[in-house]
N, C-alpha and C. Protein backbone atom coordinates (compact mmCIF):
# COMPACT_ATOMS: atom_id res chain seq x y z
N UNK A 1 -3.53 7.53 -4.42
CA UNK A 1 -4.46 7.16 -5.47
C UNK A 1 -5.35 6.07 -4.93
N UNK A 2 -6.64 6.26 -5.06
CA UNK A 2 -7.59 5.27 -4.57
C UNK A 2 -7.54 4.04 -5.45
N UNK A 3 -7.38 2.88 -4.84
CA UNK A 3 -7.26 1.64 -5.59
C UNK A 3 -8.60 1.00 -5.92
N UNK A 4 -9.70 1.53 -5.44
CA UNK A 4 -11.02 0.95 -5.73
C UNK A 4 -11.64 1.69 -6.91
N UNK A 5 -12.21 0.94 -7.83
CA UNK A 5 -12.89 1.51 -8.97
C UNK A 5 -14.38 1.23 -8.85
N UNK A 6 -15.23 2.21 -9.11
CA UNK A 6 -16.67 2.01 -9.13
C UNK A 6 -17.22 2.60 -10.42
N UNK A 7 -18.03 1.84 -11.09
CA UNK A 7 -18.80 2.36 -12.21
C UNK A 7 -20.13 2.75 -11.62
N UNK A 8 -20.55 3.97 -11.80
CA UNK A 8 -21.76 4.46 -11.16
C UNK A 8 -22.95 4.30 -12.10
N UNK A 9 -24.08 3.94 -11.54
CA UNK A 9 -25.31 3.77 -12.30
C UNK A 9 -26.45 4.35 -11.48
N UNK A 10 -27.42 4.93 -12.16
CA UNK A 10 -28.59 5.47 -11.47
C UNK A 10 -29.75 4.54 -11.73
N UNK A 11 -30.50 4.21 -10.69
CA UNK A 11 -31.63 3.31 -10.88
C UNK A 11 -32.75 4.00 -11.64
N UNK A 12 -33.69 3.19 -12.14
CA UNK A 12 -34.76 3.66 -13.02
C UNK A 12 -35.65 4.73 -12.38
N UNK A 13 -35.94 4.62 -11.08
CA UNK A 13 -36.89 5.54 -10.47
C UNK A 13 -36.27 6.86 -10.05
N UNK A 14 -34.99 7.06 -10.37
CA UNK A 14 -34.36 8.33 -10.08
C UNK A 14 -33.88 8.46 -8.65
N UNK A 15 -33.82 7.36 -7.91
CA UNK A 15 -33.36 7.40 -6.53
C UNK A 15 -31.88 7.67 -6.42
N UNK A 16 -31.14 7.41 -7.51
CA UNK A 16 -29.72 7.72 -7.52
C UNK A 16 -28.86 6.77 -6.73
N UNK A 17 -29.28 5.55 -6.52
CA UNK A 17 -28.49 4.60 -5.75
C UNK A 17 -27.30 4.15 -6.58
N UNK A 18 -26.10 4.24 -6.03
CA UNK A 18 -24.90 3.82 -6.74
C UNK A 18 -24.72 2.32 -6.59
N UNK A 19 -24.30 1.70 -7.70
CA UNK A 19 -24.06 0.26 -7.67
C UNK A 19 -22.81 -0.03 -8.48
N UNK A 20 -21.98 -0.91 -7.97
CA UNK A 20 -20.77 -1.28 -8.68
C UNK A 20 -21.08 -2.44 -9.61
N UNK A 21 -20.20 -2.73 -10.61
CA UNK A 21 -20.44 -3.81 -11.54
C UNK A 21 -20.60 -5.17 -10.85
N UNK A 22 -19.98 -5.37 -9.72
CA UNK A 22 -20.10 -6.65 -9.03
C UNK A 22 -21.50 -6.86 -8.49
N UNK A 23 -22.32 -5.80 -8.44
CA UNK A 23 -23.68 -5.91 -7.95
C UNK A 23 -24.67 -6.06 -9.10
N UNK A 24 -24.21 -6.17 -10.34
CA UNK A 24 -25.08 -6.31 -11.49
C UNK A 24 -25.14 -7.77 -11.91
N UNK A 25 -26.21 -8.13 -12.58
CA UNK A 25 -26.31 -9.46 -13.17
C UNK A 25 -26.87 -9.32 -14.57
N UNK A 26 -26.63 -10.33 -15.38
CA UNK A 26 -27.17 -10.32 -16.73
C UNK A 26 -28.61 -10.81 -16.64
N UNK A 27 -29.54 -10.01 -17.14
CA UNK A 27 -30.96 -10.33 -17.02
C UNK A 27 -31.45 -11.26 -18.11
N UNK A 28 -32.71 -11.59 -18.04
CA UNK A 28 -33.37 -12.42 -19.04
C UNK A 28 -33.70 -11.55 -20.25
N UNK A 29 -34.43 -12.09 -21.23
CA UNK A 29 -34.73 -11.29 -22.43
C UNK A 29 -35.23 -9.89 -22.06
N UNK A 30 -34.83 -8.93 -22.85
CA UNK A 30 -35.05 -7.52 -22.51
C UNK A 30 -36.35 -6.99 -23.09
N UNK A 31 -36.96 -6.12 -22.34
CA UNK A 31 -38.03 -5.32 -22.91
C UNK A 31 -37.38 -4.07 -23.48
N UNK A 32 -38.13 -3.21 -24.10
CA UNK A 32 -37.57 -2.03 -24.76
C UNK A 32 -36.90 -1.06 -23.79
N UNK A 33 -37.35 -1.00 -22.56
CA UNK A 33 -36.82 -0.01 -21.63
C UNK A 33 -35.87 -0.62 -20.60
N UNK A 34 -35.35 -1.84 -20.84
CA UNK A 34 -34.44 -2.47 -19.89
C UNK A 34 -33.03 -2.50 -20.45
N UNK A 35 -32.08 -2.51 -19.55
CA UNK A 35 -30.68 -2.70 -19.89
C UNK A 35 -30.33 -4.16 -19.66
N UNK A 36 -29.35 -4.68 -20.39
CA UNK A 36 -28.96 -6.07 -20.14
C UNK A 36 -28.21 -6.21 -18.83
N UNK A 37 -27.74 -5.10 -18.28
CA UNK A 37 -27.11 -5.13 -16.96
C UNK A 37 -28.13 -4.63 -15.95
N UNK A 38 -28.56 -5.49 -15.07
CA UNK A 38 -29.57 -5.12 -14.09
C UNK A 38 -29.03 -5.36 -12.70
N UNK A 39 -29.36 -4.48 -11.75
CA UNK A 39 -28.91 -4.71 -10.38
C UNK A 39 -29.54 -5.96 -9.80
N UNK A 40 -28.74 -6.71 -9.02
CA UNK A 40 -29.28 -7.85 -8.27
C UNK A 40 -30.26 -7.32 -7.24
N UNK A 41 -31.20 -8.18 -6.84
CA UNK A 41 -32.21 -7.78 -5.86
C UNK A 41 -31.59 -7.42 -4.53
N UNK A 42 -30.68 -8.24 -4.03
CA UNK A 42 -30.06 -7.98 -2.73
C UNK A 42 -28.55 -8.17 -2.85
N UNK A 43 -27.81 -7.13 -3.26
CA UNK A 43 -26.37 -7.29 -3.41
C UNK A 43 -25.69 -7.51 -2.07
N UNK A 44 -24.66 -8.36 -2.09
CA UNK A 44 -23.88 -8.59 -0.87
C UNK A 44 -22.97 -7.40 -0.65
N UNK A 45 -22.77 -7.05 0.59
CA UNK A 45 -21.89 -5.93 0.92
C UNK A 45 -20.45 -6.33 0.59
N UNK A 46 -19.75 -5.47 -0.14
CA UNK A 46 -18.37 -5.75 -0.50
C UNK A 46 -17.48 -5.56 0.71
N UNK A 47 -16.59 -6.50 0.91
CA UNK A 47 -15.64 -6.39 2.03
C UNK A 47 -14.62 -5.32 1.70
N UNK A 48 -14.31 -4.44 2.63
CA UNK A 48 -13.32 -3.40 2.36
C UNK A 48 -11.94 -4.01 2.19
N UNK A 49 -11.15 -3.39 1.33
CA UNK A 49 -9.77 -3.83 1.14
C UNK A 49 -8.92 -3.20 2.22
N UNK A 50 -8.22 -4.01 2.97
CA UNK A 50 -7.36 -3.51 4.04
C UNK A 50 -5.94 -3.44 3.49
N UNK A 51 -5.47 -2.23 3.29
CA UNK A 51 -4.15 -2.05 2.71
C UNK A 51 -3.07 -2.11 3.79
N UNK A 52 -3.27 -1.41 4.88
CA UNK A 52 -2.28 -1.36 5.94
C UNK A 52 -2.85 -2.07 7.16
N UNK A 53 -2.22 -3.13 7.55
CA UNK A 53 -2.69 -3.85 8.74
C UNK A 53 -2.27 -3.10 10.01
N UNK A 54 -1.10 -2.49 9.99
CA UNK A 54 -0.59 -1.77 11.15
C UNK A 54 0.39 -0.71 10.65
N UNK A 55 0.28 0.49 11.18
CA UNK A 55 1.23 1.54 10.80
C UNK A 55 2.64 1.13 11.21
N UNK A 56 3.63 1.50 10.41
CA UNK A 56 5.00 1.09 10.69
C UNK A 56 5.48 1.63 12.04
N UNK A 57 5.16 2.87 12.36
CA UNK A 57 5.59 3.45 13.64
C UNK A 57 4.99 2.67 14.81
N UNK A 58 3.71 2.27 14.68
CA UNK A 58 3.07 1.48 15.74
C UNK A 58 3.72 0.11 15.88
N UNK A 59 4.03 -0.51 14.75
CA UNK A 59 4.69 -1.82 14.78
C UNK A 59 6.07 -1.71 15.42
N UNK A 60 6.81 -0.66 15.07
CA UNK A 60 8.14 -0.45 15.62
C UNK A 60 8.06 -0.26 17.14
N UNK A 61 7.11 0.53 17.62
CA UNK A 61 6.94 0.74 19.06
C UNK A 61 6.57 -0.56 19.76
N UNK A 62 5.69 -1.33 19.15
CA UNK A 62 5.27 -2.61 19.74
C UNK A 62 6.44 -3.58 19.84
N UNK A 63 7.24 -3.67 18.77
CA UNK A 63 8.39 -4.58 18.78
C UNK A 63 9.46 -4.11 19.76
N UNK A 64 9.63 -2.80 19.89
CA UNK A 64 10.61 -2.27 20.85
C UNK A 64 10.24 -2.67 22.27
N UNK A 65 8.94 -2.57 22.60
CA UNK A 65 8.48 -2.96 23.95
C UNK A 65 8.66 -4.46 24.19
N UNK A 66 8.48 -5.27 23.15
CA UNK A 66 8.58 -6.72 23.31
C UNK A 66 10.02 -7.24 23.29
N UNK A 67 10.92 -6.47 22.70
CA UNK A 67 12.29 -6.93 22.53
C UNK A 67 13.11 -6.73 23.79
N UNK A 68 13.92 -7.73 24.18
CA UNK A 68 14.81 -7.53 25.32
C UNK A 68 15.92 -6.52 25.01
N UNK A 69 16.13 -6.23 23.73
CA UNK A 69 17.17 -5.28 23.33
C UNK A 69 16.59 -3.91 22.96
N UNK A 70 15.29 -3.72 23.15
CA UNK A 70 14.62 -2.49 22.76
C UNK A 70 15.10 -1.24 23.45
N UNK A 71 15.73 -1.38 24.62
CA UNK A 71 16.22 -0.21 25.35
C UNK A 71 17.65 0.18 24.97
N UNK A 72 18.30 -0.65 24.18
CA UNK A 72 19.69 -0.36 23.79
C UNK A 72 19.74 0.79 22.79
N UNK A 73 20.77 1.65 22.91
CA UNK A 73 20.90 2.74 21.93
C UNK A 73 21.17 2.15 20.54
N UNK A 74 20.59 2.75 19.54
CA UNK A 74 20.80 2.27 18.18
C UNK A 74 19.85 1.16 17.75
N UNK A 75 18.98 0.72 18.68
CA UNK A 75 18.02 -0.34 18.31
C UNK A 75 17.04 0.21 17.30
N UNK A 76 16.78 -0.55 16.24
CA UNK A 76 15.75 -0.17 15.29
C UNK A 76 15.33 -1.39 14.47
N UNK A 77 14.18 -1.28 13.89
CA UNK A 77 13.65 -2.33 13.03
C UNK A 77 13.62 -1.76 11.62
N UNK A 78 14.09 -2.54 10.67
CA UNK A 78 14.12 -2.10 9.28
C UNK A 78 13.32 -3.09 8.44
N UNK A 79 12.32 -2.62 7.70
CA UNK A 79 11.58 -3.54 6.83
C UNK A 79 12.43 -3.88 5.60
N UNK A 80 12.55 -5.15 5.31
CA UNK A 80 13.35 -5.57 4.16
C UNK A 80 12.59 -6.59 3.32
N UNK A 81 12.95 -6.64 2.06
CA UNK A 81 12.47 -7.65 1.13
C UNK A 81 13.67 -8.54 0.83
N UNK A 82 13.52 -9.83 1.06
CA UNK A 82 14.59 -10.78 0.79
C UNK A 82 14.37 -11.33 -0.62
N UNK A 83 15.36 -11.17 -1.49
CA UNK A 83 15.24 -11.62 -2.87
C UNK A 83 16.22 -12.75 -3.13
N UNK A 84 15.76 -13.74 -3.87
CA UNK A 84 16.66 -14.82 -4.31
C UNK A 84 16.43 -15.04 -5.80
N UNK A 85 17.41 -15.64 -6.44
CA UNK A 85 17.37 -15.87 -7.89
C UNK A 85 17.19 -14.56 -8.65
N UNK A 86 17.81 -13.52 -8.15
CA UNK A 86 17.72 -12.20 -8.76
C UNK A 86 19.05 -11.48 -8.54
N UNK A 87 19.59 -10.90 -9.59
CA UNK A 87 20.83 -10.14 -9.47
C UNK A 87 20.48 -8.71 -9.09
N UNK A 88 20.86 -8.31 -7.88
CA UNK A 88 20.50 -6.98 -7.37
C UNK A 88 21.63 -5.96 -7.48
N UNK A 89 22.69 -6.30 -8.17
CA UNK A 89 23.82 -5.37 -8.24
C UNK A 89 23.46 -4.07 -8.96
N UNK A 90 22.66 -4.15 -10.03
CA UNK A 90 22.24 -2.92 -10.71
C UNK A 90 21.31 -2.10 -9.83
N UNK A 91 20.41 -2.79 -9.10
CA UNK A 91 19.51 -2.08 -8.18
C UNK A 91 20.30 -1.40 -7.06
N UNK A 92 21.37 -2.06 -6.59
CA UNK A 92 22.20 -1.47 -5.55
C UNK A 92 22.87 -0.20 -6.08
N UNK A 93 23.36 -0.25 -7.30
CA UNK A 93 23.98 0.93 -7.90
C UNK A 93 22.95 2.05 -8.09
N UNK A 94 21.75 1.71 -8.57
CA UNK A 94 20.69 2.71 -8.76
C UNK A 94 20.30 3.35 -7.43
N UNK A 95 20.24 2.56 -6.36
CA UNK A 95 19.91 3.09 -5.03
C UNK A 95 20.99 4.06 -4.56
N UNK A 96 22.25 3.79 -4.89
CA UNK A 96 23.34 4.70 -4.52
C UNK A 96 23.21 6.02 -5.28
N UNK A 97 22.81 5.95 -6.55
CA UNK A 97 22.61 7.17 -7.34
C UNK A 97 21.44 7.99 -6.77
N UNK A 98 20.35 7.31 -6.39
CA UNK A 98 19.20 8.01 -5.79
C UNK A 98 19.62 8.70 -4.50
N UNK A 99 20.41 8.02 -3.67
CA UNK A 99 20.88 8.62 -2.41
C UNK A 99 21.76 9.84 -2.69
N UNK A 100 22.63 9.74 -3.68
CA UNK A 100 23.50 10.87 -4.01
C UNK A 100 22.68 12.05 -4.52
N UNK A 101 21.68 11.80 -5.37
CA UNK A 101 20.81 12.88 -5.86
C UNK A 101 20.05 13.52 -4.71
N UNK A 102 19.61 12.71 -3.76
CA UNK A 102 18.92 13.25 -2.57
C UNK A 102 19.83 14.23 -1.83
N UNK A 103 21.10 13.85 -1.63
CA UNK A 103 22.04 14.73 -0.92
C UNK A 103 22.29 16.01 -1.72
N UNK A 104 22.37 15.90 -3.04
CA UNK A 104 22.57 17.08 -3.88
C UNK A 104 21.38 18.03 -3.76
N UNK A 105 20.17 17.49 -3.78
CA UNK A 105 18.96 18.32 -3.65
C UNK A 105 18.92 19.02 -2.30
N UNK A 106 19.28 18.30 -1.25
CA UNK A 106 19.26 18.89 0.10
C UNK A 106 20.33 19.98 0.21
N UNK A 107 21.55 19.69 -0.25
CA UNK A 107 22.64 20.67 -0.18
C UNK A 107 22.33 21.93 -0.98
N UNK A 108 21.68 21.77 -2.14
CA UNK A 108 21.35 22.91 -2.99
C UNK A 108 20.04 23.58 -2.56
N UNK A 109 19.42 23.06 -1.52
CA UNK A 109 18.15 23.57 -1.00
C UNK A 109 17.08 23.68 -2.10
N UNK A 110 17.03 22.64 -2.93
CA UNK A 110 16.03 22.58 -3.99
C UNK A 110 14.72 22.02 -3.44
N UNK A 111 13.60 22.46 -3.96
CA UNK A 111 12.31 21.95 -3.46
C UNK A 111 11.96 20.60 -4.08
N UNK A 112 12.92 19.71 -4.14
CA UNK A 112 12.74 18.36 -4.68
C UNK A 112 13.01 17.36 -3.58
N UNK A 113 12.32 16.25 -3.64
CA UNK A 113 12.49 15.27 -2.58
C UNK A 113 12.61 13.86 -3.15
N UNK A 114 13.54 13.13 -2.64
CA UNK A 114 13.69 11.71 -2.94
C UNK A 114 13.72 10.96 -1.62
N UNK A 115 13.30 9.72 -1.64
CA UNK A 115 13.35 8.88 -0.44
C UNK A 115 14.38 7.78 -0.71
N UNK A 116 15.64 8.00 -0.30
CA UNK A 116 16.66 6.97 -0.52
C UNK A 116 16.32 5.69 0.25
N UNK A 117 16.71 4.57 -0.31
CA UNK A 117 16.52 3.28 0.34
C UNK A 117 17.76 2.44 0.06
N UNK A 118 17.96 1.44 0.88
CA UNK A 118 19.17 0.63 0.78
C UNK A 118 18.91 -0.66 0.02
N UNK A 119 19.89 -1.06 -0.76
CA UNK A 119 19.89 -2.35 -1.45
C UNK A 119 21.24 -2.98 -1.16
N UNK A 120 21.22 -4.23 -0.72
CA UNK A 120 22.45 -4.95 -0.43
C UNK A 120 22.45 -6.25 -1.22
N UNK A 121 23.30 -6.31 -2.25
CA UNK A 121 23.46 -7.54 -3.02
C UNK A 121 24.39 -8.44 -2.22
N UNK A 122 23.86 -9.55 -1.70
CA UNK A 122 24.67 -10.45 -0.87
C UNK A 122 25.41 -11.47 -1.71
N UNK A 123 24.98 -11.69 -2.94
CA UNK A 123 25.67 -12.55 -3.90
C UNK A 123 25.20 -12.15 -5.29
N UNK A 124 25.65 -12.87 -6.30
CA UNK A 124 25.23 -12.56 -7.66
C UNK A 124 23.76 -12.90 -7.90
N UNK A 125 23.17 -13.68 -7.00
CA UNK A 125 21.78 -14.11 -7.21
C UNK A 125 20.86 -13.87 -6.02
N UNK A 126 21.28 -13.04 -5.06
CA UNK A 126 20.41 -12.79 -3.91
C UNK A 126 20.77 -11.46 -3.26
N UNK A 127 19.88 -11.00 -2.38
CA UNK A 127 20.15 -9.75 -1.68
C UNK A 127 18.96 -9.28 -0.88
N UNK A 128 19.13 -8.10 -0.28
CA UNK A 128 18.11 -7.48 0.56
C UNK A 128 17.79 -6.10 0.00
N UNK A 129 16.50 -5.76 0.02
CA UNK A 129 16.05 -4.43 -0.40
C UNK A 129 15.27 -3.84 0.76
N UNK A 130 15.63 -2.63 1.17
CA UNK A 130 14.88 -1.95 2.23
C UNK A 130 13.51 -1.58 1.68
N UNK A 131 12.47 -2.00 2.38
CA UNK A 131 11.11 -1.65 1.97
C UNK A 131 10.76 -0.27 2.51
N UNK A 132 9.96 0.46 1.77
CA UNK A 132 9.53 1.77 2.22
C UNK A 132 8.38 1.57 3.20
N UNK A 133 8.50 2.07 4.44
CA UNK A 133 7.44 1.87 5.44
C UNK A 133 6.10 2.46 5.01
N UNK A 134 5.03 1.85 5.50
CA UNK A 134 3.65 2.30 5.26
C UNK A 134 3.30 2.38 3.78
N UNK A 135 3.77 1.40 3.02
CA UNK A 135 3.40 1.28 1.61
C UNK A 135 2.90 -0.14 1.36
N UNK A 136 2.25 -0.33 0.23
CA UNK A 136 1.74 -1.64 -0.15
C UNK A 136 2.36 -2.00 -1.50
N UNK A 137 2.82 -3.22 -1.62
CA UNK A 137 3.41 -3.65 -2.88
C UNK A 137 2.33 -3.87 -3.93
N UNK A 138 2.71 -3.74 -5.19
CA UNK A 138 1.76 -4.01 -6.27
C UNK A 138 1.29 -5.46 -6.23
N UNK A 139 2.20 -6.37 -5.87
CA UNK A 139 1.83 -7.78 -5.75
C UNK A 139 0.73 -7.97 -4.71
N UNK A 140 0.86 -7.28 -3.58
CA UNK A 140 -0.15 -7.37 -2.53
C UNK A 140 -1.49 -6.80 -3.00
N UNK A 141 -1.44 -5.69 -3.75
CA UNK A 141 -2.68 -5.11 -4.28
C UNK A 141 -3.37 -6.08 -5.22
N UNK A 142 -2.59 -6.69 -6.11
CA UNK A 142 -3.17 -7.62 -7.08
C UNK A 142 -3.82 -8.81 -6.38
N UNK A 143 -3.18 -9.30 -5.33
CA UNK A 143 -3.70 -10.48 -4.63
C UNK A 143 -4.90 -10.16 -3.75
N UNK A 144 -4.93 -8.98 -3.12
CA UNK A 144 -5.93 -8.68 -2.10
C UNK A 144 -7.09 -7.81 -2.56
N UNK A 145 -6.99 -7.17 -3.72
CA UNK A 145 -8.07 -6.30 -4.17
C UNK A 145 -8.59 -6.79 -5.51
N UNK A 146 -9.77 -7.39 -5.53
CA UNK A 146 -10.31 -7.90 -6.79
C UNK A 146 -10.60 -6.80 -7.81
N UNK A 147 -10.72 -5.55 -7.37
CA UNK A 147 -11.00 -4.44 -8.27
C UNK A 147 -9.74 -3.78 -8.82
N UNK A 148 -8.55 -4.23 -8.38
CA UNK A 148 -7.31 -3.62 -8.84
C UNK A 148 -7.12 -3.90 -10.32
N UNK A 149 -6.83 -2.87 -11.10
CA UNK A 149 -6.64 -3.05 -12.53
C UNK A 149 -5.16 -2.97 -12.89
N UNK A 150 -4.58 -1.79 -12.77
CA UNK A 150 -3.16 -1.63 -13.08
C UNK A 150 -2.69 -0.26 -12.60
N UNK A 151 -1.40 -0.12 -12.48
CA UNK A 151 -0.82 1.16 -12.09
C UNK A 151 -1.06 2.20 -13.18
N UNK A 152 -1.01 1.77 -14.44
CA UNK A 152 -1.26 2.68 -15.55
C UNK A 152 -2.70 3.21 -15.51
N UNK A 153 -3.65 2.34 -15.18
CA UNK A 153 -5.04 2.75 -15.04
C UNK A 153 -5.16 3.83 -13.96
N UNK A 154 -4.53 3.60 -12.80
CA UNK A 154 -4.58 4.58 -11.71
C UNK A 154 -3.99 5.91 -12.14
N UNK A 155 -2.86 5.86 -12.82
CA UNK A 155 -2.20 7.09 -13.27
C UNK A 155 -3.09 7.85 -14.24
N UNK A 156 -3.68 7.13 -15.19
CA UNK A 156 -4.58 7.78 -16.15
C UNK A 156 -5.77 8.41 -15.44
N UNK A 157 -6.39 7.69 -14.50
CA UNK A 157 -7.55 8.22 -13.78
C UNK A 157 -7.17 9.42 -12.92
N UNK A 158 -5.95 9.43 -12.39
CA UNK A 158 -5.48 10.54 -11.57
C UNK A 158 -5.26 11.78 -12.42
N UNK A 159 -4.65 11.60 -13.61
CA UNK A 159 -4.33 12.73 -14.47
C UNK A 159 -5.56 13.23 -15.21
N UNK A 160 -6.41 12.32 -15.67
CA UNK A 160 -7.59 12.67 -16.46
C UNK A 160 -8.86 12.15 -15.79
N UNK A 161 -9.22 12.66 -14.62
CA UNK A 161 -10.37 12.10 -13.91
C UNK A 161 -11.70 12.31 -14.63
N UNK A 162 -11.81 13.32 -15.47
CA UNK A 162 -13.10 13.59 -16.12
C UNK A 162 -13.17 13.03 -17.54
N UNK A 163 -12.16 12.28 -17.97
CA UNK A 163 -12.15 11.77 -19.34
C UNK A 163 -12.76 10.38 -19.46
N UNK A 164 -13.29 9.84 -18.39
CA UNK A 164 -13.98 8.55 -18.46
C UNK A 164 -13.03 7.38 -18.63
N UNK A 165 -13.43 6.47 -19.47
CA UNK A 165 -12.72 5.19 -19.62
C UNK A 165 -11.35 5.39 -20.25
N UNK A 166 -10.45 4.51 -19.90
CA UNK A 166 -9.11 4.55 -20.46
C UNK A 166 -8.96 3.52 -21.57
N UNK A 167 -10.04 2.89 -22.01
CA UNK A 167 -9.94 1.81 -22.98
C UNK A 167 -9.55 2.29 -24.37
N UNK A 168 -9.38 3.60 -24.55
CA UNK A 168 -8.90 4.08 -25.83
C UNK A 168 -7.47 3.62 -26.08
N UNK A 169 -6.77 3.21 -25.02
CA UNK A 169 -5.43 2.66 -25.18
C UNK A 169 -5.58 1.19 -25.56
N UNK A 170 -5.42 0.87 -26.83
CA UNK A 170 -5.67 -0.50 -27.29
C UNK A 170 -4.70 -1.50 -26.68
N UNK A 171 -3.49 -1.06 -26.35
CA UNK A 171 -2.52 -2.00 -25.79
C UNK A 171 -2.91 -2.47 -24.40
N UNK A 172 -3.83 -1.79 -23.72
CA UNK A 172 -4.24 -2.20 -22.39
C UNK A 172 -5.28 -3.31 -22.42
N UNK A 173 -5.98 -3.48 -23.52
CA UNK A 173 -7.05 -4.48 -23.60
C UNK A 173 -6.54 -5.86 -23.88
């Protein structure tokens, strides 16, 4: 799902130039044929959002070459999230259920797929969660993409791409 949102506008002369809301400004008093949202004279180029700094496979290969233990059998790098002040015992149990369902689907040769991941509760208030490689956390999206709205917005736009705005959901406003 594309995390960038653009509202498209066509300029007055019919040139069809697309402009995002960040390139608009509120104009002075309006004449009859003007909109209160007018394009800036020289909009600044928006910096692209970089979601993946390095592919996980590339990072793993690079670390293997740099590690003195990279040639040992069984060497691997696992991405983890370290959590504190959080009880992960329920998450650990849920991860075990997901893994068991994955094995059931594979054994039954069902066309369903799950990606099991590990959770290790190291105490009642801390633990480790295996991160899924080549993904971006919602927290990272919120911090790094000024156009990010919400996961619900993305889901709605994916399911109903031709229905326009999602603001009919009053609880989202």
